[in-house]
Amino acid sequence: MTTIESKPLTPCFGVEVSGMTLSEVSKGHDFARLRDLFEEHSALLFRAQEISNEEHMALAQLFGPIEDRKADERKPGEAFEVPEVSNVQRDGTTSGEMDLHTLNLKSNFLWHSDSTFLPTPALTNILIGRVVTTEGGATELASTRAAWAAMPEELKSRIRGRGIWHRYSHSRRKISPELAKLPMFNKWPDQHWSAVWPNPVNGREGLYIASHAFKVDGYDEAESQELLDELMAFCTQPEFTYAHQWNVGDVLIWDQRAVLHRGTPWPYEQPRTLSSICVSVTEADGIGSIRMPA
């Protein structure tokens, strides 16, 4: 059996894993150990991995169904392409700082969990460094599981047992009203999820919030935003966060049920490309415990 070692990324969550070659992981080889690390530590870092787009998709499918936000746009017979978080345009140039494409990238600088606005949200994101910058461009993670465990009861009591409403265009409107009007950010109806997501494997709870969240049950929208801002500020304190500076071949895998993330700025004339596959949750991942009335 392969010797797999791990060392903490922070005192409260995340590990760097060595001794595992992700391109060779399969259902019968190392995936059970990978999934155990995922459930226990919420965020996993692997360095110097050589992994193709096909191997990236195969790894993602071990966790569950690959999320495909563009399924309705794809022509018959057109294959799924691995999404990229990139400022590189088709002609090889980089997008301008105020282009709508770049503004959408800047929306990712807001703390969020992916796909809380979808009818089936994301379990994980598997992010791979392809082209990296000389400075900036870090990806930051924040454990809402560790934060919830440490949160004062006074703050917990204001959100416990309540549902939160999520809308894709809400996060984009914080960056640009023009961006928020684009059809791609208005495809799905508002989603209503419980504020707390218990892990079905170990029972540990994580606060389930995002930049897409706009309304909390029992509060008006102004009160909701104030509470959401307070919760977000608590969860993203330094003791609950990890910042990853990318190298080519780095792979980050994190639990969207219990970890927030955001990008950070970089010199926009420098190309930056990360391959990103989100995997949708299934009933086994505990989605039934957070469904709220529509």
Protein backbone atom coordinates (compact mmCIF):
# COMPACT_ATOMS: atom_id res chain seq x y z
CA MET A 1 0.00 0.00 0.00
CA THR A 2 1.20 3.51 -0.85
CA THR A 3 2.57 5.47 2.11
CA ILE A 4 0.49 8.64 2.36
CA GLU A 5 1.51 11.42 4.71
CA SER A 6 -0.22 14.64 5.68
CA LYS A 7 0.77 17.80 7.51
CA PRO A 8 -1.52 20.60 8.71
CA LEU A 9 -2.12 23.69 6.58
CA THR A 10 -3.48 25.51 9.65
CA PRO A 11 -4.07 24.55 13.29
CA CYS A 12 -7.83 24.14 12.74
CA PHE A 13 -8.34 22.72 9.23
CA GLY A 14 -6.67 21.54 6.05
CA VAL A 15 -3.73 19.25 5.30
CA GLU A 16 -1.03 19.01 2.67
CA VAL A 17 -0.99 15.43 1.39
CA SER A 18 2.09 13.73 0.00
CA GLY A 19 2.60 10.22 -1.39
CA MET A 20 -0.58 10.20 -3.47
CA THR A 21 -0.57 10.56 -7.27
CA LEU A 22 -3.98 11.97 -8.14
CA SER A 23 -3.86 10.83 -11.77
CA GLU A 24 -3.69 7.22 -10.51
CA VAL A 25 -6.49 7.43 -7.94
CA SER A 26 -9.47 5.19 -8.71
CA LYS A 27 -12.44 3.80 -6.80
CA GLY A 28 -10.35 0.76 -5.86
CA HIS A 29 -7.04 2.58 -5.38
CA ASP A 30 -6.58 5.33 -2.78
CA PHE A 31 -9.97 7.03 -3.22
CA ALA A 32 -11.32 5.75 0.11
CA ARG A 33 -8.30 7.27 1.87
CA LEU A 34 -8.67 10.48 -0.13
CA ARG A 35 -12.35 10.76 0.82
CA ASP A 36 -11.56 10.10 4.49
CA LEU A 37 -9.03 12.96 4.48
CA PHE A 38 -11.60 15.18 2.76
CA GLU A 39 -14.29 14.50 5.38
CA GLU A 40 -11.91 14.93 8.31
CA HIS A 41 -9.88 17.98 7.24
CA SER A 42 -12.20 19.84 4.79
CA ALA A 43 -9.32 21.07 2.57
CA LEU A 44 -6.52 19.12 0.87
CA LEU A 45 -3.42 20.39 -0.93
CA PHE A 46 -1.35 18.27 -3.33
CA ARG A 47 1.83 19.63 -4.93
CA ALA A 48 3.67 18.88 -8.18
CA GLN A 49 0.87 16.82 -9.72
CA GLU A 50 0.84 16.03 -13.43
CA ILE A 51 -2.82 15.66 -14.29
CA SER A 52 -4.52 16.04 -17.66
CA ASN A 53 -8.03 17.39 -18.22
CA GLU A 54 -9.26 13.83 -18.75
CA GLU A 55 -7.66 12.69 -15.47
CA HIS A 56 -9.08 15.77 -13.77
CA MET A 57 -12.59 14.75 -14.85
CA ALA A 58 -12.04 11.12 -13.81
CA LEU A 59 -10.93 12.25 -10.35
CA ALA A 60 -13.93 14.55 -10.00
CA GLN A 61 -16.36 11.78 -10.95
CA LEU A 62 -15.15 9.71 -8.02
CA PHE A 63 -16.67 12.36 -5.72
CA GLY A 64 -19.95 12.56 -7.63
CA PRO A 65 -21.64 14.08 -10.70
CA ILE A 66 -19.64 16.81 -12.44
CA GLU A 67 -21.45 20.15 -12.34
CA ASP A 68 -22.22 21.52 -15.80
CA ARG A 69 -23.61 25.07 -15.70
CA LYS A 70 -23.50 25.37 -19.50
CA ALA A 71 -25.45 22.22 -20.34
CA ASP A 72 -28.31 24.32 -21.72
CA GLU A 73 -25.94 26.27 -23.98
CA ARG A 74 -24.09 23.31 -25.48
CA LYS A 75 -24.96 22.14 -28.98
CA PRO A 76 -26.02 18.50 -29.50
CA GLY A 77 -22.96 16.28 -29.44
CA GLU A 78 -20.73 19.03 -28.07
CA ALA A 79 -18.53 17.67 -25.28
CA PHE A 80 -18.12 19.07 -21.79
CA GLU A 81 -14.95 21.13 -21.45
CA VAL A 82 -13.12 21.57 -18.15
CA PRO A 83 -13.92 25.11 -16.95
CA GLU A 84 -11.05 27.52 -16.49
CA VAL A 85 -10.69 30.44 -14.11
CA SER A 86 -8.58 32.58 -16.40
CA ASN A 87 -8.00 36.07 -17.75
CA VAL A 88 -6.60 34.64 -20.99
CA GLN A 89 -8.82 35.27 -24.02
CA ARG A 90 -9.20 33.09 -27.11
CA ASP A 91 -6.65 35.17 -29.02
CA GLY A 92 -4.08 34.70 -26.24
CA THR A 93 -4.28 38.24 -24.88
CA THR A 94 -5.40 39.05 -21.33
CA SER A 95 -8.72 40.75 -20.62
CA GLY A 96 -8.70 44.40 -19.55
CA GLU A 97 -9.20 45.24 -15.90
CA MET A 98 -12.70 46.66 -16.45
CA ASP A 99 -13.89 44.15 -19.05
CA LEU A 100 -16.99 42.25 -17.96
CA HIS A 101 -14.95 39.04 -18.03
CA THR A 102 -12.43 40.49 -15.58
CA LEU A 103 -15.22 41.94 -13.44
CA ASN A 104 -16.66 38.44 -13.19
CA LEU A 105 -13.25 37.19 -12.03
CA LYS A 106 -13.27 40.00 -9.43
CA SER A 107 -16.63 38.69 -8.18
CA ASN A 108 -14.65 35.63 -7.10
CA PHE A 109 -12.71 37.90 -4.73
CA LEU A 110 -15.81 37.85 -2.52
CA TRP A 111 -15.92 35.05 0.04
CA HIS A 112 -18.25 32.34 -1.25
CA SER A 113 -19.13 28.68 -1.58
CA ASP A 114 -19.66 27.60 -5.17
CA SER A 115 -23.13 26.94 -6.51
CA THR A 116 -25.25 27.77 -3.47
CA PHE A 117 -27.54 29.40 -6.08
CA LEU A 118 -28.09 26.12 -7.96
CA PRO A 119 -30.92 23.64 -7.32
CA THR A 120 -28.15 21.13 -6.53
CA PRO A 121 -25.17 22.86 -4.89
CA ALA A 122 -21.54 21.80 -4.99
CA LEU A 123 -19.83 19.25 -2.77
CA THR A 124 -16.30 20.13 -3.78
CA ASN A 125 -14.12 22.07 -6.18
CA ILE A 126 -10.98 20.47 -7.57
CA LEU A 127 -8.74 23.36 -8.61
CA ILE A 128 -5.45 22.90 -10.47
CA GLY A 129 -2.72 25.46 -11.12
CA ARG A 130 -1.96 25.64 -14.87
CA VAL A 131 -0.52 29.14 -15.47
CA VAL A 132 0.53 31.18 -12.43
CA THR A 133 1.62 34.76 -11.83
CA THR A 134 4.79 36.18 -10.33
CA GLU A 135 2.79 37.83 -7.54
CA GLY A 136 -0.75 37.90 -6.19
CA GLY A 137 -3.40 35.50 -7.43
CA ALA A 138 -3.65 33.50 -4.21
CA THR A 139 -6.70 31.40 -3.36
CA GLU A 140 -7.86 31.82 0.22
CA LEU A 141 -9.93 29.30 2.17
CA ALA A 142 -11.93 29.81 5.39
CA SER A 143 -13.34 27.02 7.55
CA THR A 144 -16.94 27.70 8.52
CA ARG A 145 -16.81 24.46 10.49
CA ALA A 146 -14.00 25.69 12.75
CA ALA A 147 -15.61 29.13 12.93
CA TRP A 148 -19.03 27.72 13.88
CA ALA A 149 -17.46 25.64 16.65
CA ALA A 150 -15.77 28.77 18.04
CA MET A 151 -18.64 31.22 17.49
CA PRO A 152 -20.22 32.88 20.54
CA GLU A 153 -23.68 31.56 21.36
CA GLU A 154 -25.18 35.04 21.04
CA LEU A 155 -24.25 35.16 17.36
CA LYS A 156 -25.10 31.50 16.73
CA SER A 157 -28.58 31.94 18.18
CA ARG A 158 -29.41 34.63 15.61
CA ILE A 159 -28.92 32.24 12.67
CA ARG A 160 -29.40 28.70 14.06
CA GLY A 161 -32.48 26.95 12.67
CA ARG A 162 -33.07 29.55 9.97
CA GLY A 163 -32.94 29.28 6.21
CA ILE A 164 -30.88 31.51 3.92
CA TRP A 165 -31.83 32.53 0.37
CA HIS A 166 -29.17 32.55 -2.38
CA ARG A 167 -29.12 34.27 -5.79
CA TYR A 168 -26.25 34.24 -8.34
CA SER A 169 -26.80 37.80 -9.56
CA HIS A 170 -26.66 39.10 -5.98
CA SER A 171 -22.90 38.52 -5.72
CA ARG A 172 -22.30 39.95 -9.20
CA ARG A 173 -24.29 43.10 -8.40
CA LYS A 174 -21.82 43.85 -5.61
CA ILE A 175 -19.17 44.26 -8.33
CA SER A 176 -21.15 45.67 -11.27
CA PRO A 177 -24.90 46.19 -11.90
CA GLU A 178 -24.18 45.62 -15.61
CA LEU A 179 -22.55 42.27 -14.83
CA ALA A 180 -25.54 41.18 -12.74
CA LYS A 181 -27.90 41.63 -15.69
CA LEU A 182 -26.16 39.06 -17.89
CA PRO A 183 -28.33 35.99 -18.66
CA MET A 184 -25.75 33.56 -17.22
CA PHE A 185 -26.34 35.02 -13.75
CA ASN A 186 -30.13 34.82 -13.95
CA LYS A 187 -30.75 31.25 -15.11
CA TRP A 188 -31.90 29.79 -11.80
CA PRO A 189 -34.58 30.70 -9.26
CA ASP A 190 -33.55 31.74 -5.76
CA GLN A 191 -32.45 28.81 -3.61
CA HIS A 192 -33.35 28.28 0.05
CA TRP A 193 -30.93 26.31 2.25
CA SER A 194 -30.55 25.79 5.97
CA ALA A 195 -27.89 28.01 7.52
CA VAL A 196 -26.05 25.06 9.09
CA TRP A 197 -24.89 21.91 7.26
CA PRO A 198 -24.02 18.89 9.45
CA ASN A 199 -21.47 16.52 7.95
CA PRO A 200 -23.24 13.13 7.57
CA VAL A 201 -20.01 11.20 8.23
CA ASN A 202 -18.82 12.81 11.46
CA GLY A 203 -21.69 15.08 12.51
CA ARG A 204 -19.57 18.23 12.61
CA GLU A 205 -21.50 21.34 11.58
CA GLY A 206 -20.46 24.11 9.20
CA LEU A 207 -22.16 27.45 8.58
CA TYR A 208 -23.45 27.46 4.99
CA ILE A 209 -23.18 31.01 3.69
CA ALA A 210 -21.80 32.74 0.59
CA SER A 211 -21.57 36.07 -1.22
CA HIS A 212 -24.66 34.85 -3.11
CA ALA A 213 -26.72 34.92 0.14
CA PHE A 214 -29.15 37.84 0.38
CA LYS A 215 -31.99 37.01 2.77
CA VAL A 216 -32.28 35.22 6.12
CA ASP A 217 -35.63 33.86 7.29
CA GLY A 218 -37.17 36.11 9.92
CA TYR A 219 -35.26 39.25 8.92
CA ASP A 220 -35.83 41.88 6.24
CA GLU A 221 -33.17 42.25 3.55
CA ALA A 222 -31.30 45.07 5.31
CA GLU A 223 -31.23 43.15 8.60
CA SER A 224 -30.27 40.00 6.71
CA GLN A 225 -27.31 41.67 5.03
CA GLU A 226 -26.10 43.07 8.32
CA LEU A 227 -26.26 39.63 9.95
CA LEU A 228 -24.65 37.89 6.95
CA ASP A 229 -21.83 40.46 6.96
CA GLU A 230 -21.26 39.85 10.68
CA LEU A 231 -21.22 36.08 10.22
CA MET A 232 -18.87 36.34 7.23
CA ALA A 233 -16.49 38.61 9.16
CA PHE A 234 -16.36 36.11 12.02
CA CYS A 235 -15.75 33.11 9.75
CA THR A 236 -12.96 34.78 7.79
CA GLN A 237 -10.80 35.86 10.71
CA PRO A 238 -7.12 34.88 10.30
CA GLU A 239 -7.35 31.95 12.71
CA PHE A 240 -9.90 30.24 10.43
CA THR A 241 -8.20 30.92 7.07
CA TYR A 242 -5.47 29.60 4.77
CA ALA A 243 -3.96 31.46 1.79
CA HIS A 244 -2.47 29.39 -1.02
CA GLN A 245 0.06 30.89 -3.40
CA TRP A 246 -0.05 28.83 -6.59
CA ASN A 247 2.65 26.85 -8.34
CA VAL A 248 2.04 24.95 -11.56
CA GLY A 249 0.81 21.45 -10.67
CA ASP A 250 -0.69 22.38 -7.30
CA VAL A 251 -4.13 20.87 -6.65
CA LEU A 252 -6.59 22.13 -4.03
CA ILE A 253 -9.66 20.09 -3.10
CA TRP A 254 -12.06 21.46 -0.50
CA ASP A 255 -15.45 20.77 1.03
CA GLN A 256 -17.94 23.38 -0.14
CA ARG A 257 -20.28 22.42 2.71
CA ALA A 258 -17.81 23.70 5.30
CA VAL A 259 -15.26 25.95 3.56
CA LEU A 260 -15.54 29.38 1.97
CA HIS A 261 -13.03 30.54 -0.62
CA ARG A 262 -12.03 33.59 -2.62
CA GLY A 263 -9.43 34.67 -5.13
CA THR A 264 -7.07 37.61 -4.65
CA PRO A 265 -5.91 40.23 -7.19
CA TRP A 266 -2.85 39.89 -9.41
CA PRO A 267 -1.27 42.09 -12.13
CA TYR A 268 -3.94 41.72 -14.82
CA GLU A 269 -1.46 41.96 -17.67
CA GLN A 270 -0.07 38.63 -16.44
CA PRO A 271 -1.93 35.49 -17.62
CA ARG A 272 -3.36 33.24 -14.92
CA THR A 273 -5.25 29.99 -15.51
CA LEU A 274 -6.64 27.49 -13.03
CA SER A 275 -8.62 24.42 -14.11
CA SER A 276 -11.76 24.12 -11.99
CA ILE A 277 -14.27 21.28 -11.73
CA CYS A 278 -17.11 21.43 -9.24
CA VAL A 279 -18.85 18.22 -8.20
CA SER A 280 -22.52 18.30 -7.22
CA VAL A 281 -23.73 16.98 -3.87
CA THR A 282 -25.77 13.81 -3.64
CA GLU A 283 -28.17 12.58 -0.98
CA ALA A 284 -25.24 10.73 0.63
CA ASP A 285 -23.52 14.09 1.17
CA GLY A 286 -26.35 15.31 3.41
CA ILE A 287 -28.27 17.63 1.11
CA GLY A 288 -31.51 16.37 2.59
CA SER A 289 -30.60 17.93 5.93
CA ILE A 290 -30.40 21.47 4.51
CA ARG A 291 -33.41 21.56 2.18
CA MET A 292 -35.86 24.26 3.14
CA PRO A 293 -39.32 25.07 1.70
CA ALA A 294 -39.20 26.93 -1.62
